[in-house]
Amino acid sequence: MGAEAMGEIKHLVVVKFKEGVVVEDIVKGMEKLVSEVDLVKSFEWGQDSEGPEMLTQGFTHSFSMTFDKKEDHVAFQSHPNHVEYSATFSAAIEKIVVLCFPSVCVKPSASA
């Protein structure tokens, strides 16, 4: 079939922040969190720039973390730094969608 199960777990969070939230502060907090927790293999985030409103449904930012295995993701959920930061993050969001899934690589990144 061409797709290869990687065993990695992706944690994807898509949010719409509340009016007046300083998004830069939230992003800095998230960057600090993932830099302090070795269970997080990689972290990426972005802000929607071109999606039509009817498709984005008001969501503006996405955050993606990669974990080596499901157990690392489970351990991250109860990590004290994550628990503490979750309160700040949750207070800043109006709407959220969270997906956690095993990664399937169809086209790997080109190596340098």
N, C-alpha and C. Protein backbone atom coordinates (compact mmCIF):
# COMPACT_ATOMS: atom_id res chain seq x y z
N MET A 1 0.81 -1.20 0.00
CA MET A 1 0.00 0.00 0.00
C MET A 1 0.85 1.26 0.00
N GLY A 2 2.13 1.17 0.38
CA GLY A 2 3.00 2.32 0.30
C GLY A 2 3.13 3.11 1.59
N ALA A 3 2.19 3.00 2.50
CA ALA A 3 2.26 3.73 3.77
C ALA A 3 2.97 2.87 4.80
N GLU A 4 3.76 3.52 5.61
CA GLU A 4 4.56 2.80 6.61
C GLU A 4 4.18 3.29 8.01
N ALA A 5 3.71 2.38 8.85
CA ALA A 5 3.40 2.74 10.24
C ALA A 5 4.71 3.02 10.97
N MET A 6 4.81 4.19 11.54
CA MET A 6 6.06 4.60 12.17
C MET A 6 6.12 4.25 13.65
N GLY A 7 4.98 4.02 14.27
CA GLY A 7 5.00 3.76 15.70
C GLY A 7 4.99 5.04 16.52
N GLU A 8 5.31 6.17 15.90
CA GLU A 8 5.27 7.43 16.60
C GLU A 8 3.83 7.84 16.86
N ILE A 9 3.64 8.61 17.91
CA ILE A 9 2.32 9.14 18.24
C ILE A 9 2.34 10.64 18.00
N LYS A 10 1.36 11.11 17.26
CA LYS A 10 1.18 12.55 17.02
C LYS A 10 0.08 13.05 17.95
N HIS A 11 0.31 14.21 18.53
CA HIS A 11 -0.66 14.88 19.40
C HIS A 11 -0.93 16.22 18.74
N LEU A 12 -2.10 16.36 18.13
CA LEU A 12 -2.45 17.55 17.37
C LEU A 12 -3.53 18.33 18.10
N VAL A 13 -3.27 19.60 18.34
CA VAL A 13 -4.21 20.48 19.04
C VAL A 13 -4.50 21.66 18.11
N VAL A 14 -5.78 21.90 17.84
CA VAL A 14 -6.21 23.02 17.01
C VAL A 14 -7.11 23.89 17.88
N VAL A 15 -6.83 25.19 17.93
CA VAL A 15 -7.55 26.05 18.87
C VAL A 15 -8.00 27.36 18.23
N LYS A 16 -8.99 27.94 18.88
CA LYS A 16 -9.37 29.33 18.69
C LYS A 16 -9.20 29.97 20.05
N PHE A 17 -8.34 30.98 20.13
CA PHE A 17 -8.10 31.63 21.41
C PHE A 17 -9.22 32.63 21.72
N LYS A 18 -9.41 32.87 23.01
CA LYS A 18 -10.37 33.87 23.46
C LYS A 18 -9.91 35.25 23.03
N GLU A 19 -10.88 36.14 22.84
CA GLU A 19 -10.59 37.53 22.51
C GLU A 19 -9.68 38.13 23.58
N GLY A 20 -8.65 38.85 23.17
CA GLY A 20 -7.77 39.54 24.11
C GLY A 20 -6.60 38.72 24.62
N VAL A 21 -6.54 37.44 24.27
CA VAL A 21 -5.42 36.60 24.71
C VAL A 21 -4.16 37.02 23.96
N VAL A 22 -3.04 37.12 24.68
CA VAL A 22 -1.76 37.42 24.06
C VAL A 22 -1.16 36.08 23.60
N VAL A 23 -1.41 35.78 22.33
CA VAL A 23 -1.03 34.48 21.79
C VAL A 23 0.47 34.23 21.92
N GLU A 24 1.28 35.28 21.75
CA GLU A 24 2.73 35.12 21.85
C GLU A 24 3.13 34.55 23.22
N ASP A 25 2.44 34.98 24.28
CA ASP A 25 2.74 34.46 25.62
C ASP A 25 2.37 32.98 25.72
N ILE A 26 1.26 32.61 25.12
CA ILE A 26 0.84 31.20 25.15
C ILE A 26 1.86 30.34 24.39
N VAL A 27 2.28 30.82 23.22
CA VAL A 27 3.26 30.07 22.42
C VAL A 27 4.59 29.96 23.17
N LYS A 28 5.04 31.03 23.79
CA LYS A 28 6.29 30.97 24.57
C LYS A 28 6.18 29.95 25.69
N GLY A 29 5.02 29.92 26.35
CA GLY A 29 4.80 28.94 27.41
C GLY A 29 4.84 27.52 26.89
N MET A 30 4.25 27.31 25.72
CA MET A 30 4.25 25.97 25.11
C MET A 30 5.68 25.58 24.72
N GLU A 31 6.42 26.51 24.14
CA GLU A 31 7.81 26.23 23.77
C GLU A 31 8.65 25.89 25.00
N LYS A 32 8.43 26.61 26.09
CA LYS A 32 9.14 26.33 27.34
C LYS A 32 8.79 24.93 27.85
N LEU A 33 7.50 24.60 27.82
CA LEU A 33 7.04 23.29 28.28
C LEU A 33 7.73 22.17 27.51
N VAL A 34 7.68 22.22 26.20
CA VAL A 34 8.24 21.11 25.42
C VAL A 34 9.76 21.04 25.52
N SER A 35 10.41 22.18 25.78
CA SER A 35 11.87 22.15 25.94
C SER A 35 12.27 21.52 27.27
N GLU A 36 11.37 21.54 28.24
CA GLU A 36 11.66 20.99 29.58
C GLU A 36 11.27 19.53 29.74
N VAL A 37 10.51 19.00 28.79
CA VAL A 37 10.01 17.62 28.92
C VAL A 37 10.60 16.78 27.79
N ASP A 38 11.53 15.90 28.14
CA ASP A 38 12.24 15.10 27.14
C ASP A 38 11.35 14.07 26.43
N LEU A 39 10.19 13.79 26.98
CA LEU A 39 9.28 12.83 26.35
C LEU A 39 8.81 13.33 24.98
N VAL A 40 8.80 14.65 24.79
CA VAL A 40 8.37 15.25 23.52
C VAL A 40 9.52 15.15 22.53
N LYS A 41 9.32 14.38 21.47
CA LYS A 41 10.37 14.18 20.46
C LYS A 41 10.50 15.41 19.56
N SER A 42 9.37 15.97 19.15
CA SER A 42 9.40 17.18 18.33
C SER A 42 8.14 18.00 18.58
N PHE A 43 8.22 19.28 18.24
CA PHE A 43 7.11 20.21 18.44
C PHE A 43 7.07 21.21 17.30
N GLU A 44 5.89 21.43 16.77
CA GLU A 44 5.68 22.42 15.72
C GLU A 44 4.39 23.16 16.03
N TRP A 45 4.33 24.39 15.59
CA TRP A 45 3.08 25.14 15.74
C TRP A 45 2.95 26.08 14.55
N GLY A 46 1.73 26.55 14.32
CA GLY A 46 1.52 27.49 13.23
C GLY A 46 0.19 28.21 13.39
N GLN A 47 0.08 29.30 12.67
CA GLN A 47 -1.14 30.10 12.67
C GLN A 47 -1.73 30.07 11.27
N ASP A 48 -3.04 29.85 11.19
CA ASP A 48 -3.71 29.82 9.90
C ASP A 48 -3.51 31.15 9.18
N SER A 49 -3.21 31.08 7.91
CA SER A 49 -3.01 32.30 7.15
C SER A 49 -3.87 32.39 5.90
N GLU A 50 -4.44 31.27 5.47
CA GLU A 50 -5.15 31.29 4.21
C GLU A 50 -6.46 30.51 4.19
N GLY A 51 -6.82 29.86 5.29
CA GLY A 51 -8.01 29.03 5.27
C GLY A 51 -9.30 29.85 5.24
N PRO A 52 -10.23 29.48 4.36
CA PRO A 52 -11.53 30.16 4.34
C PRO A 52 -12.28 29.93 5.65
N GLU A 53 -12.94 30.96 6.15
CA GLU A 53 -13.64 30.90 7.44
C GLU A 53 -14.59 29.70 7.52
N MET A 54 -15.29 29.40 6.42
CA MET A 54 -16.23 28.28 6.48
C MET A 54 -15.52 26.94 6.71
N LEU A 55 -14.25 26.87 6.37
CA LEU A 55 -13.48 25.65 6.59
C LEU A 55 -12.73 25.67 7.91
N THR A 56 -12.21 26.82 8.30
CA THR A 56 -11.46 26.89 9.56
C THR A 56 -12.38 26.91 10.77
N GLN A 57 -13.63 27.31 10.58
CA GLN A 57 -14.63 27.37 11.66
C GLN A 57 -14.14 28.19 12.85
N GLY A 58 -13.32 29.20 12.58
CA GLY A 58 -12.84 30.08 13.63
C GLY A 58 -11.54 29.63 14.29
N PHE A 59 -11.09 28.42 14.00
CA PHE A 59 -9.84 27.95 14.57
C PHE A 59 -8.68 28.70 13.92
N THR A 60 -7.70 29.08 14.72
CA THR A 60 -6.63 29.94 14.21
C THR A 60 -5.22 29.36 14.36
N HIS A 61 -5.00 28.48 15.32
CA HIS A 61 -3.64 27.99 15.60
C HIS A 61 -3.65 26.47 15.75
N SER A 62 -2.53 25.87 15.37
CA SER A 62 -2.36 24.44 15.60
C SER A 62 -1.01 24.19 16.27
N PHE A 63 -1.00 23.17 17.09
CA PHE A 63 0.19 22.75 17.81
C PHE A 63 0.32 21.24 17.61
N SER A 64 1.50 20.79 17.25
CA SER A 64 1.71 19.37 17.01
C SER A 64 2.95 18.89 17.76
N MET A 65 2.75 17.83 18.51
CA MET A 65 3.87 17.19 19.21
C MET A 65 3.99 15.76 18.72
N THR A 66 5.21 15.28 18.68
CA THR A 66 5.47 13.90 18.31
C THR A 66 6.12 13.20 19.49
N PHE A 67 5.65 11.98 19.74
CA PHE A 67 6.19 11.14 20.81
C PHE A 67 6.67 9.83 20.18
N ASP A 68 7.72 9.23 20.74
CA ASP A 68 8.24 7.98 20.20
C ASP A 68 7.23 6.84 20.30
N LYS A 69 6.46 6.84 21.37
CA LYS A 69 5.50 5.75 21.58
C LYS A 69 4.34 6.22 22.44
N LYS A 70 3.28 5.44 22.44
CA LYS A 70 2.06 5.78 23.18
C LYS A 70 2.36 6.02 24.66
N GLU A 71 3.22 5.21 25.23
CA GLU A 71 3.54 5.33 26.66
C GLU A 71 4.16 6.69 26.98
N ASP A 72 4.94 7.24 26.05
CA ASP A 72 5.53 8.57 26.27
C ASP A 72 4.44 9.64 26.28
N HIS A 73 3.47 9.50 25.38
CA HIS A 73 2.36 10.46 25.36
C HIS A 73 1.55 10.37 26.64
N VAL A 74 1.27 9.16 27.10
CA VAL A 74 0.52 8.96 28.35
C VAL A 74 1.29 9.59 29.52
N ALA A 75 2.59 9.36 29.58
CA ALA A 75 3.41 9.93 30.65
C ALA A 75 3.43 11.46 30.58
N PHE A 76 3.44 12.01 29.38
CA PHE A 76 3.43 13.46 29.20
C PHE A 76 2.14 14.07 29.78
N GLN A 77 1.03 13.40 29.56
CA GLN A 77 -0.26 13.92 30.02
C GLN A 77 -0.28 14.14 31.53
N SER A 78 0.44 13.31 32.28
CA SER A 78 0.44 13.45 33.74
C SER A 78 1.72 14.11 34.27
N HIS A 79 2.61 14.52 33.38
CA HIS A 79 3.84 15.19 33.79
C HIS A 79 3.47 16.50 34.51
N PRO A 80 4.10 16.79 35.66
CA PRO A 80 3.74 17.99 36.43
C PRO A 80 3.82 19.30 35.62
N ASN A 81 4.80 19.43 34.74
CA ASN A 81 4.91 20.65 33.92
C ASN A 81 3.72 20.78 32.98
N HIS A 82 3.28 19.65 32.40
CA HIS A 82 2.13 19.67 31.50
C HIS A 82 0.85 19.98 32.27
N VAL A 83 0.68 19.36 33.41
CA VAL A 83 -0.51 19.60 34.22
C VAL A 83 -0.60 21.08 34.60
N GLU A 84 0.52 21.66 35.02
CA GLU A 84 0.56 23.06 35.40
C GLU A 84 0.25 23.97 34.21
N TYR A 85 0.90 23.72 33.07
CA TYR A 85 0.69 24.58 31.91
C TYR A 85 -0.71 24.43 31.32
N SER A 86 -1.30 23.26 31.43
CA SER A 86 -2.64 23.01 30.89
C SER A 86 -3.67 23.97 31.45
N ALA A 87 -3.54 24.35 32.71
CA ALA A 87 -4.48 25.29 33.32
C ALA A 87 -4.41 26.65 32.62
N THR A 88 -3.19 27.13 32.35
CA THR A 88 -3.00 28.39 31.65
C THR A 88 -3.53 28.30 30.22
N PHE A 89 -3.18 27.22 29.54
CA PHE A 89 -3.60 27.03 28.15
C PHE A 89 -5.12 26.93 28.06
N SER A 90 -5.72 26.14 28.91
CA SER A 90 -7.18 25.94 28.88
C SER A 90 -7.94 27.24 29.12
N ALA A 91 -7.41 28.09 30.00
CA ALA A 91 -8.07 29.36 30.30
C ALA A 91 -8.03 30.32 29.11
N ALA A 92 -7.13 30.09 28.17
CA ALA A 92 -6.95 31.01 27.04
C ALA A 92 -7.76 30.61 25.80
N ILE A 93 -8.33 29.42 25.79
CA ILE A 93 -8.97 28.95 24.57
C ILE A 93 -10.49 29.05 24.62
N GLU A 94 -11.03 29.38 23.46
CA GLU A 94 -12.48 29.43 23.29
C GLU A 94 -13.00 28.10 22.74
N LYS A 95 -12.26 27.55 21.75
CA LYS A 95 -12.64 26.27 21.13
C LYS A 95 -11.37 25.45 20.93
N ILE A 96 -11.53 24.12 21.00
CA ILE A 96 -10.36 23.24 20.84
C ILE A 96 -10.78 21.92 20.21
N VAL A 97 -9.87 21.37 19.41
CA VAL A 97 -9.98 20.01 18.89
C VAL A 97 -8.64 19.36 19.18
N VAL A 98 -8.67 18.16 19.74
CA VAL A 98 -7.44 17.43 20.05
C VAL A 98 -7.53 16.05 19.40
N LEU A 99 -6.50 15.69 18.68
CA LEU A 99 -6.40 14.37 18.08
C LEU A 99 -5.07 13.75 18.47
N CYS A 100 -5.08 12.49 18.86
CA CYS A 100 -3.86 11.73 19.15
C CYS A 100 -3.93 10.47 18.30
N PHE A 101 -2.88 10.22 17.53
CA PHE A 101 -2.96 9.12 16.59
C PHE A 101 -1.57 8.57 16.26
N PRO A 102 -1.51 7.27 15.94
CA PRO A 102 -0.24 6.73 15.47
C PRO A 102 0.05 7.28 14.07
N SER A 103 1.26 7.69 13.87
CA SER A 103 1.67 8.31 12.61
C SER A 103 1.85 7.25 11.53
N VAL A 104 1.38 7.57 10.33
CA VAL A 104 1.61 6.74 9.16
C VAL A 104 2.34 7.61 8.14
N CYS A 105 3.55 7.22 7.81
CA CYS A 105 4.37 8.01 6.89
C CYS A 105 4.16 7.48 5.47
N VAL A 106 3.68 8.35 4.60
CA VAL A 106 3.46 7.99 3.21
C VAL A 106 4.61 8.51 2.35
N LYS A 107 5.09 9.70 2.68
CA LYS A 107 6.22 10.29 1.94
C LYS A 107 7.18 10.90 2.96
N PRO A 108 8.28 10.24 3.24
CA PRO A 108 9.24 10.75 4.23
C PRO A 108 9.87 12.06 3.76
N SER A 109 10.35 12.84 4.73
CA SER A 109 11.08 14.06 4.43
C SER A 109 12.34 13.71 3.66
N ALA A 110 12.71 14.57 2.73
CA ALA A 110 13.95 14.35 1.99
C ALA A 110 15.12 14.59 2.93
N SER A 111 16.12 13.72 2.90
CA SER A 111 17.29 13.92 3.77
C SER A 111 18.23 14.93 3.13
N ALA A 112 18.89 15.64 4.01
CA ALA A 112 19.79 16.71 3.54
C ALA A 112 21.10 16.16 3.04
